[in-house]
């Protein structure tokens, strides 16, 4: 029950707070 976000070739403009959301649990 886990989702992943693999981020490669990161750029300064990728700087942010990252959130996940699901429609249903």
PDBML (XML) file of the C-alpha atoms, coordinates in Angstrom:
<?xml version="1.0" encoding="UTF-8" ?>
<PDBx:datablock datablockName="MODEL"
   xmlns:PDBx="http://pdbml.pdb.org/schema/pdbx-v50.xsd"
   xmlns:xsi="http://www.w3.org/2001/XMLSchema-instance"
   xsi:schemaLocation="http://pdbml.pdb.org/schema/pdbx-v50.xsd pdbx-v50.xsd">
   <PDBx:atom_siteCategory>
      <PDBx:atom_site id="1">
         <PDBx:B_iso_or_equiv>0.00</PDBx:B_iso_or_equiv>
         <PDBx:Cartn_x>0.000</PDBx:Cartn_x>
         <PDBx:Cartn_y>0.000</PDBx:Cartn_y>
         <PDBx:Cartn_z>0.000</PDBx:Cartn_z>
         <PDBx:auth_asym_id>A</PDBx:auth_asym_id>
         <PDBx:auth_atom_id>CA</PDBx:auth_atom_id>
         <PDBx:auth_comp_id>UNK</PDBx:auth_comp_id>
         <PDBx:auth_seq_id>1</PDBx:auth_seq_id>
         <PDBx:group_PDB>ATOM</PDBx:group_PDB>
         <PDBx:label_alt_id xsi:nil="true" />
         <PDBx:label_asym_id>A</PDBx:label_asym_id>
         <PDBx:label_atom_id>CA</PDBx:label_atom_id>
         <PDBx:label_comp_id>UNK</PDBx:label_comp_id>
         <PDBx:label_entity_id>1</PDBx:label_entity_id>
         <PDBx:label_seq_id>1</PDBx:label_seq_id>
         <PDBx:occupancy>1.00</PDBx:occupancy>
         <PDBx:pdbx_PDB_model_num>1</PDBx:pdbx_PDB_model_num>
         <PDBx:type_symbol>C</PDBx:type_symbol>
      </PDBx:atom_site>
      <PDBx:atom_site id="2">
         <PDBx:B_iso_or_equiv>0.00</PDBx:B_iso_or_equiv>
         <PDBx:Cartn_x>2.813</PDBx:Cartn_x>
         <PDBx:Cartn_y>2.347</PDBx:Cartn_y>
         <PDBx:Cartn_z>-0.947</PDBx:Cartn_z>
         <PDBx:auth_asym_id>A</PDBx:auth_asym_id>
         <PDBx:auth_atom_id>CA</PDBx:auth_atom_id>
         <PDBx:auth_comp_id>UNK</PDBx:auth_comp_id>
         <PDBx:auth_seq_id>2</PDBx:auth_seq_id>
         <PDBx:group_PDB>ATOM</PDBx:group_PDB>
         <PDBx:label_alt_id xsi:nil="true" />
         <PDBx:label_asym_id>A</PDBx:label_asym_id>
         <PDBx:label_atom_id>CA</PDBx:label_atom_id>
         <PDBx:label_comp_id>UNK</PDBx:label_comp_id>
         <PDBx:label_entity_id>1</PDBx:label_entity_id>
         <PDBx:label_seq_id>2</PDBx:label_seq_id>
         <PDBx:occupancy>1.00</PDBx:occupancy>
         <PDBx:pdbx_PDB_model_num>1</PDBx:pdbx_PDB_model_num>
         <PDBx:type_symbol>C</PDBx:type_symbol>
      </PDBx:atom_site>
      <PDBx:atom_site id="3">
         <PDBx:B_iso_or_equiv>0.00</PDBx:B_iso_or_equiv>
         <PDBx:Cartn_x>3.284</PDBx:Cartn_x>
         <PDBx:Cartn_y>4.698</PDBx:Cartn_y>
         <PDBx:Cartn_z>-3.900</PDBx:Cartn_z>
         <PDBx:auth_asym_id>A</PDBx:auth_asym_id>
         <PDBx:auth_atom_id>CA</PDBx:auth_atom_id>
         <PDBx:auth_comp_id>UNK</PDBx:auth_comp_id>
         <PDBx:auth_seq_id>3</PDBx:auth_seq_id>
         <PDBx:group_PDB>ATOM</PDBx:group_PDB>
         <PDBx:label_alt_id xsi:nil="true" />
         <PDBx:label_asym_id>A</PDBx:label_asym_id>
         <PDBx:label_atom_id>CA</PDBx:label_atom_id>
         <PDBx:label_comp_id>UNK</PDBx:label_comp_id>
         <PDBx:label_entity_id>1</PDBx:label_entity_id>
         <PDBx:label_seq_id>3</PDBx:label_seq_id>
         <PDBx:occupancy>1.00</PDBx:occupancy>
         <PDBx:pdbx_PDB_model_num>1</PDBx:pdbx_PDB_model_num>
         <PDBx:type_symbol>C</PDBx:type_symbol>
      </PDBx:atom_site>
      <PDBx:atom_site id="4">
         <PDBx:B_iso_or_equiv>0.00</PDBx:B_iso_or_equiv>
         <PDBx:Cartn_x>6.669</PDBx:Cartn_x>
         <PDBx:Cartn_y>6.030</PDBx:Cartn_y>
         <PDBx:Cartn_z>-4.989</PDBx:Cartn_z>
         <PDBx:auth_asym_id>A</PDBx:auth_asym_id>
         <PDBx:auth_atom_id>CA</PDBx:auth_atom_id>
         <PDBx:auth_comp_id>UNK</PDBx:auth_comp_id>
         <PDBx:auth_seq_id>4</PDBx:auth_seq_id>
         <PDBx:group_PDB>ATOM</PDBx:group_PDB>
         <PDBx:label_alt_id xsi:nil="true" />
         <PDBx:label_asym_id>A</PDBx:label_asym_id>
         <PDBx:label_atom_id>CA</PDBx:label_atom_id>
         <PDBx:label_comp_id>UNK</PDBx:label_comp_id>
         <PDBx:label_entity_id>1</PDBx:label_entity_id>
         <PDBx:label_seq_id>4</PDBx:label_seq_id>
         <PDBx:occupancy>1.00</PDBx:occupancy>
         <PDBx:pdbx_PDB_model_num>1</PDBx:pdbx_PDB_model_num>
         <PDBx:type_symbol>C</PDBx:type_symbol>
      </PDBx:atom_site>
      <PDBx:atom_site id="5">
         <PDBx:B_iso_or_equiv>0.00</PDBx:B_iso_or_equiv>
         <PDBx:Cartn_x>7.858</PDBx:Cartn_x>
         <PDBx:Cartn_y>9.097</PDBx:Cartn_y>
         <PDBx:Cartn_z>-6.853</PDBx:Cartn_z>
         <PDBx:auth_asym_id>A</PDBx:auth_asym_id>
         <PDBx:auth_atom_id>CA</PDBx:auth_atom_id>
         <PDBx:auth_comp_id>UNK</PDBx:auth_comp_id>
         <PDBx:auth_seq_id>5</PDBx:auth_seq_id>
         <PDBx:group_PDB>ATOM</PDBx:group_PDB>
         <PDBx:label_alt_id xsi:nil="true" />
         <PDBx:label_asym_id>A</PDBx:label_asym_id>
         <PDBx:label_atom_id>CA</PDBx:label_atom_id>
         <PDBx:label_comp_id>UNK</PDBx:label_comp_id>
         <PDBx:label_entity_id>1</PDBx:label_entity_id>
         <PDBx:label_seq_id>5</PDBx:label_seq_id>
         <PDBx:occupancy>1.00</PDBx:occupancy>
         <PDBx:pdbx_PDB_model_num>1</PDBx:pdbx_PDB_model_num>
         <PDBx:type_symbol>C</PDBx:type_symbol>
      </PDBx:atom_site>
      <PDBx:atom_site id="6">
         <PDBx:B_iso_or_equiv>0.00</PDBx:B_iso_or_equiv>
         <PDBx:Cartn_x>11.302</PDBx:Cartn_x>
         <PDBx:Cartn_y>8.606</PDBx:Cartn_y>
         <PDBx:Cartn_z>-8.371</PDBx:Cartn_z>
         <PDBx:auth_asym_id>A</PDBx:auth_asym_id>
         <PDBx:auth_atom_id>CA</PDBx:auth_atom_id>
         <PDBx:auth_comp_id>UNK</PDBx:auth_comp_id>
         <PDBx:auth_seq_id>6</PDBx:auth_seq_id>
         <PDBx:group_PDB>ATOM</PDBx:group_PDB>
         <PDBx:label_alt_id xsi:nil="true" />
         <PDBx:label_asym_id>A</PDBx:label_asym_id>
         <PDBx:label_atom_id>CA</PDBx:label_atom_id>
         <PDBx:label_comp_id>UNK</PDBx:label_comp_id>
         <PDBx:label_entity_id>1</PDBx:label_entity_id>
         <PDBx:label_seq_id>6</PDBx:label_seq_id>
         <PDBx:occupancy>1.00</PDBx:occupancy>
         <PDBx:pdbx_PDB_model_num>1</PDBx:pdbx_PDB_model_num>
         <PDBx:type_symbol>C</PDBx:type_symbol>
      </PDBx:atom_site>
      <PDBx:atom_site id="7">
         <PDBx:B_iso_or_equiv>0.00</PDBx:B_iso_or_equiv>
         <PDBx:Cartn_x>12.816</PDBx:Cartn_x>
         <PDBx:Cartn_y>11.972</PDBx:Cartn_y>
         <PDBx:Cartn_z>-9.279</PDBx:Cartn_z>
         <PDBx:auth_asym_id>A</PDBx:auth_asym_id>
         <PDBx:auth_atom_id>CA</PDBx:auth_atom_id>
         <PDBx:auth_comp_id>UNK</PDBx:auth_comp_id>
         <PDBx:auth_seq_id>7</PDBx:auth_seq_id>
         <PDBx:group_PDB>ATOM</PDBx:group_PDB>
         <PDBx:label_alt_id xsi:nil="true" />
         <PDBx:label_asym_id>A</PDBx:label_asym_id>
         <PDBx:label_atom_id>CA</PDBx:label_atom_id>
         <PDBx:label_comp_id>UNK</PDBx:label_comp_id>
         <PDBx:label_entity_id>1</PDBx:label_entity_id>
         <PDBx:label_seq_id>7</PDBx:label_seq_id>
         <PDBx:occupancy>1.00</PDBx:occupancy>
         <PDBx:pdbx_PDB_model_num>1</PDBx:pdbx_PDB_model_num>
         <PDBx:type_symbol>C</PDBx:type_symbol>
      </PDBx:atom_site>
      <PDBx:atom_site id="8">
         <PDBx:B_iso_or_equiv>0.00</PDBx:B_iso_or_equiv>
         <PDBx:Cartn_x>15.886</PDBx:Cartn_x>
         <PDBx:Cartn_y>12.088</PDBx:Cartn_y>
         <PDBx:Cartn_z>-11.524</PDBx:Cartn_z>
         <PDBx:auth_asym_id>A</PDBx:auth_asym_id>
         <PDBx:auth_atom_id>CA</PDBx:auth_atom_id>
         <PDBx:auth_comp_id>UNK</PDBx:auth_comp_id>
         <PDBx:auth_seq_id>8</PDBx:auth_seq_id>
         <PDBx:group_PDB>ATOM</PDBx:group_PDB>
         <PDBx:label_alt_id xsi:nil="true" />
         <PDBx:label_asym_id>A</PDBx:label_asym_id>
         <PDBx:label_atom_id>CA</PDBx:label_atom_id>
         <PDBx:label_comp_id>UNK</PDBx:label_comp_id>
         <PDBx:label_entity_id>1</PDBx:label_entity_id>
         <PDBx:label_seq_id>8</PDBx:label_seq_id>
         <PDBx:occupancy>1.00</PDBx:occupancy>
         <PDBx:pdbx_PDB_model_num>1</PDBx:pdbx_PDB_model_num>
         <PDBx:type_symbol>C</PDBx:type_symbol>
      </PDBx:atom_site>
      <PDBx:atom_site id="9">
         <PDBx:B_iso_or_equiv>0.00</PDBx:B_iso_or_equiv>
         <PDBx:Cartn_x>17.827</PDBx:Cartn_x>
         <PDBx:Cartn_y>14.939</PDBx:Cartn_y>
         <PDBx:Cartn_z>-13.129</PDBx:Cartn_z>
         <PDBx:auth_asym_id>A</PDBx:auth_asym_id>
         <PDBx:auth_atom_id>CA</PDBx:auth_atom_id>
         <PDBx:auth_comp_id>UNK</PDBx:auth_comp_id>
         <PDBx:auth_seq_id>9</PDBx:auth_seq_id>
         <PDBx:group_PDB>ATOM</PDBx:group_PDB>
         <PDBx:label_alt_id xsi:nil="true" />
         <PDBx:label_asym_id>A</PDBx:label_asym_id>
         <PDBx:label_atom_id>CA</PDBx:label_atom_id>
         <PDBx:label_comp_id>UNK</PDBx:label_comp_id>
         <PDBx:label_entity_id>1</PDBx:label_entity_id>
         <PDBx:label_seq_id>9</PDBx:label_seq_id>
         <PDBx:occupancy>1.00</PDBx:occupancy>
         <PDBx:pdbx_PDB_model_num>1</PDBx:pdbx_PDB_model_num>
         <PDBx:type_symbol>C</PDBx:type_symbol>
      </PDBx:atom_site>
      <PDBx:atom_site id="10">
         <PDBx:B_iso_or_equiv>0.00</PDBx:B_iso_or_equiv>
         <PDBx:Cartn_x>16.517</PDBx:Cartn_x>
         <PDBx:Cartn_y>17.314</PDBx:Cartn_y>
         <PDBx:Cartn_z>-10.496</PDBx:Cartn_z>
         <PDBx:auth_asym_id>A</PDBx:auth_asym_id>
         <PDBx:auth_atom_id>CA</PDBx:auth_atom_id>
         <PDBx:auth_comp_id>UNK</PDBx:auth_comp_id>
         <PDBx:auth_seq_id>10</PDBx:auth_seq_id>
         <PDBx:group_PDB>ATOM</PDBx:group_PDB>
         <PDBx:label_alt_id xsi:nil="true" />
         <PDBx:label_asym_id>A</PDBx:label_asym_id>
         <PDBx:label_atom_id>CA</PDBx:label_atom_id>
         <PDBx:label_comp_id>UNK</PDBx:label_comp_id>
         <PDBx:label_entity_id>1</PDBx:label_entity_id>
         <PDBx:label_seq_id>10</PDBx:label_seq_id>
         <PDBx:occupancy>1.00</PDBx:occupancy>
         <PDBx:pdbx_PDB_model_num>1</PDBx:pdbx_PDB_model_num>
         <PDBx:type_symbol>C</PDBx:type_symbol>
      </PDBx:atom_site>
      <PDBx:atom_site id="11">
         <PDBx:B_iso_or_equiv>0.00</PDBx:B_iso_or_equiv>
         <PDBx:Cartn_x>16.529</PDBx:Cartn_x>
         <PDBx:Cartn_y>21.044</PDBx:Cartn_y>
         <PDBx:Cartn_z>-11.173</PDBx:Cartn_z>
         <PDBx:auth_asym_id>A</PDBx:auth_asym_id>
         <PDBx:auth_atom_id>CA</PDBx:auth_atom_id>
         <PDBx:auth_comp_id>UNK</PDBx:auth_comp_id>
         <PDBx:auth_seq_id>11</PDBx:auth_seq_id>
         <PDBx:group_PDB>ATOM</PDBx:group_PDB>
         <PDBx:label_alt_id xsi:nil="true" />
         <PDBx:label_asym_id>A</PDBx:label_asym_id>
         <PDBx:label_atom_id>CA</PDBx:label_atom_id>
         <PDBx:label_comp_id>UNK</PDBx:label_comp_id>
         <PDBx:label_entity_id>1</PDBx:label_entity_id>
         <PDBx:label_seq_id>11</PDBx:label_seq_id>
         <PDBx:occupancy>1.00</PDBx:occupancy>
         <PDBx:pdbx_PDB_model_num>1</PDBx:pdbx_PDB_model_num>
         <PDBx:type_symbol>C</PDBx:type_symbol>
      </PDBx:atom_site>
      <PDBx:atom_site id="12">
         <PDBx:B_iso_or_equiv>0.00</PDBx:B_iso_or_equiv>
         <PDBx:Cartn_x>16.333</PDBx:Cartn_x>
         <PDBx:Cartn_y>24.013</PDBx:Cartn_y>
         <PDBx:Cartn_z>-8.795</PDBx:Cartn_z>
         <PDBx:auth_asym_id>A</PDBx:auth_asym_id>
         <PDBx:auth_atom_id>CA</PDBx:auth_atom_id>
         <PDBx:auth_comp_id>UNK</PDBx:auth_comp_id>
         <PDBx:auth_seq_id>12</PDBx:auth_seq_id>
         <PDBx:group_PDB>ATOM</PDBx:group_PDB>
         <PDBx:label_alt_id xsi:nil="true" />
         <PDBx:label_asym_id>A</PDBx:label_asym_id>
         <PDBx:label_atom_id>CA</PDBx:label_atom_id>
         <PDBx:label_comp_id>UNK</PDBx:label_comp_id>
         <PDBx:label_entity_id>1</PDBx:label_entity_id>
         <PDBx:label_seq_id>12</PDBx:label_seq_id>
         <PDBx:occupancy>1.00</PDBx:occupancy>
         <PDBx:pdbx_PDB_model_num>1</PDBx:pdbx_PDB_model_num>
         <PDBx:type_symbol>C</PDBx:type_symbol>
      </PDBx:atom_site>
      <PDBx:atom_site id="13">
         <PDBx:B_iso_or_equiv>0.00</PDBx:B_iso_or_equiv>
         <PDBx:Cartn_x>12.811</PDBx:Cartn_x>
         <PDBx:Cartn_y>24.704</PDBx:Cartn_y>
         <PDBx:Cartn_z>-10.056</PDBx:Cartn_z>
         <PDBx:auth_asym_id>A</PDBx:auth_asym_id>
         <PDBx:auth_atom_id>CA</PDBx:auth_atom_id>
         <PDBx:auth_comp_id>UNK</PDBx:auth_comp_id>
         <PDBx:auth_seq_id>13</PDBx:auth_seq_id>
         <PDBx:group_PDB>ATOM</PDBx:group_PDB>
         <PDBx:label_alt_id xsi:nil="true" />
         <PDBx:label_asym_id>A</PDBx:label_asym_id>
         <PDBx:label_atom_id>CA</PDBx:label_atom_id>
         <PDBx:label_comp_id>UNK</PDBx:label_comp_id>
         <PDBx:label_entity_id>1</PDBx:label_entity_id>
         <PDBx:label_seq_id>13</PDBx:label_seq_id>
         <PDBx:occupancy>1.00</PDBx:occupancy>
         <PDBx:pdbx_PDB_model_num>1</PDBx:pdbx_PDB_model_num>
         <PDBx:type_symbol>C</PDBx:type_symbol>
      </PDBx:atom_site>
      <PDBx:atom_site id="14">
         <PDBx:B_iso_or_equiv>0.00</PDBx:B_iso_or_equiv>
         <PDBx:Cartn_x>11.758</PDBx:Cartn_x>
         <PDBx:Cartn_y>21.312</PDBx:Cartn_y>
         <PDBx:Cartn_z>-8.645</PDBx:Cartn_z>
         <PDBx:auth_asym_id>A</PDBx:auth_asym_id>
         <PDBx:auth_atom_id>CA</PDBx:auth_atom_id>
         <PDBx:auth_comp_id>UNK</PDBx:auth_comp_id>
         <PDBx:auth_seq_id>14</PDBx:auth_seq_id>
         <PDBx:group_PDB>ATOM</PDBx:group_PDB>
         <PDBx:label_alt_id xsi:nil="true" />
         <PDBx:label_asym_id>A</PDBx:label_asym_id>
         <PDBx:label_atom_id>CA</PDBx:label_atom_id>
         <PDBx:label_comp_id>UNK</PDBx:label_comp_id>
         <PDBx:label_entity_id>1</PDBx:label_entity_id>
         <PDBx:label_seq_id>14</PDBx:label_seq_id>
         <PDBx:occupancy>1.00</PDBx:occupancy>
         <PDBx:pdbx_PDB_model_num>1</PDBx:pdbx_PDB_model_num>
         <PDBx:type_symbol>C</PDBx:type_symbol>
      </PDBx:atom_site>
      <PDBx:atom_site id="15">
         <PDBx:B_iso_or_equiv>0.00</PDBx:B_iso_or_equiv>
         <PDBx:Cartn_x>12.217</PDBx:Cartn_x>
         <PDBx:Cartn_y>22.733</PDBx:Cartn_y>
         <PDBx:Cartn_z>-5.141</PDBx:Cartn_z>
         <PDBx:auth_asym_id>A</PDBx:auth_asym_id>
         <PDBx:auth_atom_id>CA</PDBx:auth_atom_id>
         <PDBx:auth_comp_id>UNK</PDBx:auth_comp_id>
         <PDBx:auth_seq_id>15</PDBx:auth_seq_id>
         <PDBx:group_PDB>ATOM</PDBx:group_PDB>
         <PDBx:label_alt_id xsi:nil="true" />
         <PDBx:label_asym_id>A</PDBx:label_asym_id>
         <PDBx:label_atom_id>CA</PDBx:label_atom_id>
         <PDBx:label_comp_id>UNK</PDBx:label_comp_id>
         <PDBx:label_entity_id>1</PDBx:label_entity_id>
         <PDBx:label_seq_id>15</PDBx:label_seq_id>
         <PDBx:occupancy>1.00</PDBx:occupancy>
         <PDBx:pdbx_PDB_model_num>1</PDBx:pdbx_PDB_model_num>
         <PDBx:type_symbol>C</PDBx:type_symbol>
      </PDBx:atom_site>
      <PDBx:atom_site id="16">
         <PDBx:B_iso_or_equiv>0.00</PDBx:B_iso_or_equiv>
         <PDBx:Cartn_x>8.866</PDBx:Cartn_x>
         <PDBx:Cartn_y>22.501</PDBx:Cartn_y>
         <PDBx:Cartn_z>-3.348</PDBx:Cartn_z>
         <PDBx:auth_asym_id>A</PDBx:auth_asym_id>
         <PDBx:auth_atom_id>CA</PDBx:auth_atom_id>
         <PDBx:auth_comp_id>UNK</PDBx:auth_comp_id>
         <PDBx:auth_seq_id>16</PDBx:auth_seq_id>
         <PDBx:group_PDB>ATOM</PDBx:group_PDB>
         <PDBx:label_alt_id xsi:nil="true" />
         <PDBx:label_asym_id>A</PDBx:label_asym_id>
         <PDBx:label_atom_id>CA</PDBx:label_atom_id>
         <PDBx:label_comp_id>UNK</PDBx:label_comp_id>
         <PDBx:label_entity_id>1</PDBx:label_entity_id>
         <PDBx:label_seq_id>16</PDBx:label_seq_id>
         <PDBx:occupancy>1.00</PDBx:occupancy>
         <PDBx:pdbx_PDB_model_num>1</PDBx:pdbx_PDB_model_num>
         <PDBx:type_symbol>C</PDBx:type_symbol>
      </PDBx:atom_site>
      <PDBx:atom_site id="17">
         <PDBx:B_iso_or_equiv>0.00</PDBx:B_iso_or_equiv>
         <PDBx:Cartn_x>6.863</PDBx:Cartn_x>
         <PDBx:Cartn_y>20.682</PDBx:Cartn_y>
         <PDBx:Cartn_z>-0.722</PDBx:Cartn_z>
         <PDBx:auth_asym_id>A</PDBx:auth_asym_id>
         <PDBx:auth_atom_id>CA</PDBx:auth_atom_id>
         <PDBx:auth_comp_id>UNK</PDBx:auth_comp_id>
         <PDBx:auth_seq_id>17</PDBx:auth_seq_id>
         <PDBx:group_PDB>ATOM</PDBx:group_PDB>
         <PDBx:label_alt_id xsi:nil="true" />
         <PDBx:label_asym_id>A</PDBx:label_asym_id>
         <PDBx:label_atom_id>CA</PDBx:label_atom_id>
         <PDBx:label_comp_id>UNK</PDBx:label_comp_id>
         <PDBx:label_entity_id>1</PDBx:label_entity_id>
         <PDBx:label_seq_id>17</PDBx:label_seq_id>
         <PDBx:occupancy>1.00</PDBx:occupancy>
         <PDBx:pdbx_PDB_model_num>1</PDBx:pdbx_PDB_model_num>
         <PDBx:type_symbol>C</PDBx:type_symbol>
      </PDBx:atom_site>
      <PDBx:atom_site id="18">
         <PDBx:B_iso_or_equiv>0.00</PDBx:B_iso_or_equiv>
         <PDBx:Cartn_x>5.598</PDBx:Cartn_x>
         <PDBx:Cartn_y>17.464</PDBx:Cartn_y>
         <PDBx:Cartn_z>-2.280</PDBx:Cartn_z>
         <PDBx:auth_asym_id>A</PDBx:auth_asym_id>
         <PDBx:auth_atom_id>CA</PDBx:auth_atom_id>
         <PDBx:auth_comp_id>UNK</PDBx:auth_comp_id>
         <PDBx:auth_seq_id>18</PDBx:auth_seq_id>
         <PDBx:group_PDB>ATOM</PDBx:group_PDB>
         <PDBx:label_alt_id xsi:nil="true" />
         <PDBx:label_asym_id>A</PDBx:label_asym_id>
         <PDBx:label_atom_id>CA</PDBx:label_atom_id>
         <PDBx:label_comp_id>UNK</PDBx:label_comp_id>
         <PDBx:label_entity_id>1</PDBx:label_entity_id>
         <PDBx:label_seq_id>18</PDBx:label_seq_id>
         <PDBx:occupancy>1.00</PDBx:occupancy>
         <PDBx:pdbx_PDB_model_num>1</PDBx:pdbx_PDB_model_num>
         <PDBx:type_symbol>C</PDBx:type_symbol>
      </PDBx:atom_site>
      <PDBx:atom_site id="19">
         <PDBx:B_iso_or_equiv>0.00</PDBx:B_iso_or_equiv>
         <PDBx:Cartn_x>2.210</PDBx:Cartn_x>
         <PDBx:Cartn_y>16.039</PDBx:Cartn_y>
         <PDBx:Cartn_z>-1.286</PDBx:Cartn_z>
         <PDBx:auth_asym_id>A</PDBx:auth_asym_id>
         <PDBx:auth_atom_id>CA</PDBx:auth_atom_id>
         <PDBx:auth_comp_id>UNK</PDBx:auth_comp_id>
         <PDBx:auth_seq_id>19</PDBx:auth_seq_id>
         <PDBx:group_PDB>ATOM</PDBx:group_PDB>
         <PDBx:label_alt_id xsi:nil="true" />
         <PDBx:label_asym_id>A</PDBx:label_asym_id>
         <PDBx:label_atom_id>CA</PDBx:label_atom_id>
         <PDBx:label_comp_id>UNK</PDBx:label_comp_id>
         <PDBx:label_entity_id>1</PDBx:label_entity_id>
         <PDBx:label_seq_id>19</PDBx:label_seq_id>
         <PDBx:occupancy>1.00</PDBx:occupancy>
         <PDBx:pdbx_PDB_model_num>1</PDBx:pdbx_PDB_model_num>
         <PDBx:type_symbol>C</PDBx:type_symbol>
      </PDBx:atom_site>
      <PDBx:atom_site id="20">
         <PDBx:B_iso_or_equiv>0.00</PDBx:B_iso_or_equiv>
         <PDBx:Cartn_x>0.368</PDBx:Cartn_x>
         <PDBx:Cartn_y>12.849</PDBx:Cartn_y>
         <PDBx:Cartn_z>-2.138</PDBx:Cartn_z>
         <PDBx:auth_asym_id>A</PDBx:auth_asym_id>
         <PDBx:auth_atom_id>CA</PDBx:auth_atom_id>
         <PDBx:auth_comp_id>UNK</PDBx:auth_comp_id>
         <PDBx:auth_seq_id>20</PDBx:auth_seq_id>
         <PDBx:group_PDB>ATOM</PDBx:group_PDB>
         <PDBx:label_alt_id xsi:nil="true" />
         <PDBx:label_asym_id>A</PDBx:label_asym_id>
         <PDBx:label_atom_id>CA</PDBx:label_atom_id>
         <PDBx:label_comp_id>UNK</PDBx:label_comp_id>
         <PDBx:label_entity_id>1</PDBx:label_entity_id>
         <PDBx:label_seq_id>20</PDBx:label_seq_id>
         <PDBx:occupancy>1.00</PDBx:occupancy>
         <PDBx:pdbx_PDB_model_num>1</PDBx:pdbx_PDB_model_num>
         <PDBx:type_symbol>C</PDBx:type_symbol>
      </PDBx:atom_site>
      <PDBx:atom_site id="21">
         <PDBx:B_iso_or_equiv>0.00</PDBx:B_iso_or_equiv>
         <PDBx:Cartn_x>-3.397</PDBx:Cartn_x>
         <PDBx:Cartn_y>12.470</PDBx:Cartn_y>
         <PDBx:Cartn_z>-2.312</PDBx:Cartn_z>
         <PDBx:auth_asym_id>A</PDBx:auth_asym_id>
         <PDBx:auth_atom_id>CA</PDBx:auth_atom_id>
         <PDBx:auth_comp_id>UNK</PDBx:auth_comp_id>
         <PDBx:auth_seq_id>21</PDBx:auth_seq_id>
         <PDBx:group_PDB>ATOM</PDBx:group_PDB>
         <PDBx:label_alt_id xsi:nil="true" />
         <PDBx:label_asym_id>A</PDBx:label_asym_id>
         <PDBx:label_atom_id>CA</PDBx:label_atom_id>
         <PDBx:label_comp_id>UNK</PDBx:label_comp_id>
         <PDBx:label_entity_id>1</PDBx:label_entity_id>
         <PDBx:label_seq_id>21</PDBx:label_seq_id>
         <PDBx:occupancy>1.00</PDBx:occupancy>
         <PDBx:pdbx_PDB_model_num>1</PDBx:pdbx_PDB_model_num>
         <PDBx:type_symbol>C</PDBx:type_symbol>
      </PDBx:atom_site>
      <PDBx:atom_site id="22">
         <PDBx:B_iso_or_equiv>0.00</PDBx:B_iso_or_equiv>
         <PDBx:Cartn_x>-5.642</PDBx:Cartn_x>
         <PDBx:Cartn_y>9.489</PDBx:Cartn_y>
         <PDBx:Cartn_z>-2.845</PDBx:Cartn_z>
         <PDBx:auth_asym_id>A</PDBx:auth_asym_id>
         <PDBx:auth_atom_id>CA</PDBx:auth_atom_id>
         <PDBx:auth_comp_id>UNK</PDBx:auth_comp_id>
         <PDBx:auth_seq_id>22</PDBx:auth_seq_id>
         <PDBx:group_PDB>ATOM</PDBx:group_PDB>
         <PDBx:label_alt_id xsi:nil="true" />
         <PDBx:label_asym_id>A</PDBx:label_asym_id>
         <PDBx:label_atom_id>CA</PDBx:label_atom_id>
         <PDBx:label_comp_id>UNK</PDBx:label_comp_id>
         <PDBx:label_entity_id>1</PDBx:label_entity_id>
         <PDBx:label_seq_id>22</PDBx:label_seq_id>
         <PDBx:occupancy>1.00</PDBx:occupancy>
         <PDBx:pdbx_PDB_model_num>1</PDBx:pdbx_PDB_model_num>
         <PDBx:type_symbol>C</PDBx:type_symbol>
      </PDBx:atom_site>
      <PDBx:atom_site id="23">
         <PDBx:B_iso_or_equiv>0.00</PDBx:B_iso_or_equiv>
         <PDBx:Cartn_x>-9.268</PDBx:Cartn_x>
         <PDBx:Cartn_y>9.414</PDBx:Cartn_y>
         <PDBx:Cartn_z>-3.849</PDBx:Cartn_z>
         <PDBx:auth_asym_id>A</PDBx:auth_asym_id>
         <PDBx:auth_atom_id>CA</PDBx:auth_atom_id>
         <PDBx:auth_comp_id>UNK</PDBx:auth_comp_id>
         <PDBx:auth_seq_id>23</PDBx:auth_seq_id>
         <PDBx:group_PDB>ATOM</PDBx:group_PDB>
         <PDBx:label_alt_id xsi:nil="true" />
         <PDBx:label_asym_id>A</PDBx:label_asym_id>
         <PDBx:label_atom_id>CA</PDBx:label_atom_id>
         <PDBx:label_comp_id>UNK</PDBx:label_comp_id>
         <PDBx:label_entity_id>1</PDBx:label_entity_id>
         <PDBx:label_seq_id>23</PDBx:label_seq_id>
         <PDBx:occupancy>1.00</PDBx:occupancy>
         <PDBx:pdbx_PDB_model_num>1</PDBx:pdbx_PDB_model_num>
         <PDBx:type_symbol>C</PDBx:type_symbol>
      </PDBx:atom_site>
      <PDBx:atom_site id="24">
         <PDBx:B_iso_or_equiv>0.00</PDBx:B_iso_or_equiv>
         <PDBx:Cartn_x>-10.067</PDBx:Cartn_x>
         <PDBx:Cartn_y>6.488</PDBx:Cartn_y>
         <PDBx:Cartn_z>-1.563</PDBx:Cartn_z>
         <PDBx:auth_asym_id>A</PDBx:auth_asym_id>
         <PDBx:auth_atom_id>CA</PDBx:auth_atom_id>
         <PDBx:auth_comp_id>UNK</PDBx:auth_comp_id>
         <PDBx:auth_seq_id>24</PDBx:auth_seq_id>
         <PDBx:group_PDB>ATOM</PDBx:group_PDB>
         <PDBx:label_alt_id xsi:nil="true" />
         <PDBx:label_asym_id>A</PDBx:label_asym_id>
         <PDBx:label_atom_id>CA</PDBx:label_atom_id>
         <PDBx:label_comp_id>UNK</PDBx:label_comp_id>
         <PDBx:label_entity_id>1</PDBx:label_entity_id>
         <PDBx:label_seq_id>24</PDBx:label_seq_id>
         <PDBx:occupancy>1.00</PDBx:occupancy>
         <PDBx:pdbx_PDB_model_num>1</PDBx:pdbx_PDB_model_num>
         <PDBx:type_symbol>C</PDBx:type_symbol>
      </PDBx:atom_site>
      <PDBx:atom_site id="25">
         <PDBx:B_iso_or_equiv>0.00</PDBx:B_iso_or_equiv>
         <PDBx:Cartn_x>-8.610</PDBx:Cartn_x>
         <PDBx:Cartn_y>4.443</PDBx:Cartn_y>
         <PDBx:Cartn_z>1.286</PDBx:Cartn_z>
         <PDBx:auth_asym_id>A</PDBx:auth_asym_id>
         <PDBx:auth_atom_id>CA</PDBx:auth_atom_id>
         <PDBx:auth_comp_id>UNK</PDBx:auth_comp_id>
         <PDBx:auth_seq_id>25</PDBx:auth_seq_id>
         <PDBx:group_PDB>ATOM</PDBx:group_PDB>
         <PDBx:label_alt_id xsi:nil="true" />
         <PDBx:label_asym_id>A</PDBx:label_asym_id>
         <PDBx:label_atom_id>CA</PDBx:label_atom_id>
         <PDBx:label_comp_id>UNK</PDBx:label_comp_id>
         <PDBx:label_entity_id>1</PDBx:label_entity_id>
         <PDBx:label_seq_id>25</PDBx:label_seq_id>
         <PDBx:occupancy>1.00</PDBx:occupancy>
         <PDBx:pdbx_PDB_model_num>1</PDBx:pdbx_PDB_model_num>
         <PDBx:type_symbol>C</PDBx:type_symbol>
      </PDBx:atom_site>
   </PDBx:atom_siteCategory>
</PDBx:datablock>
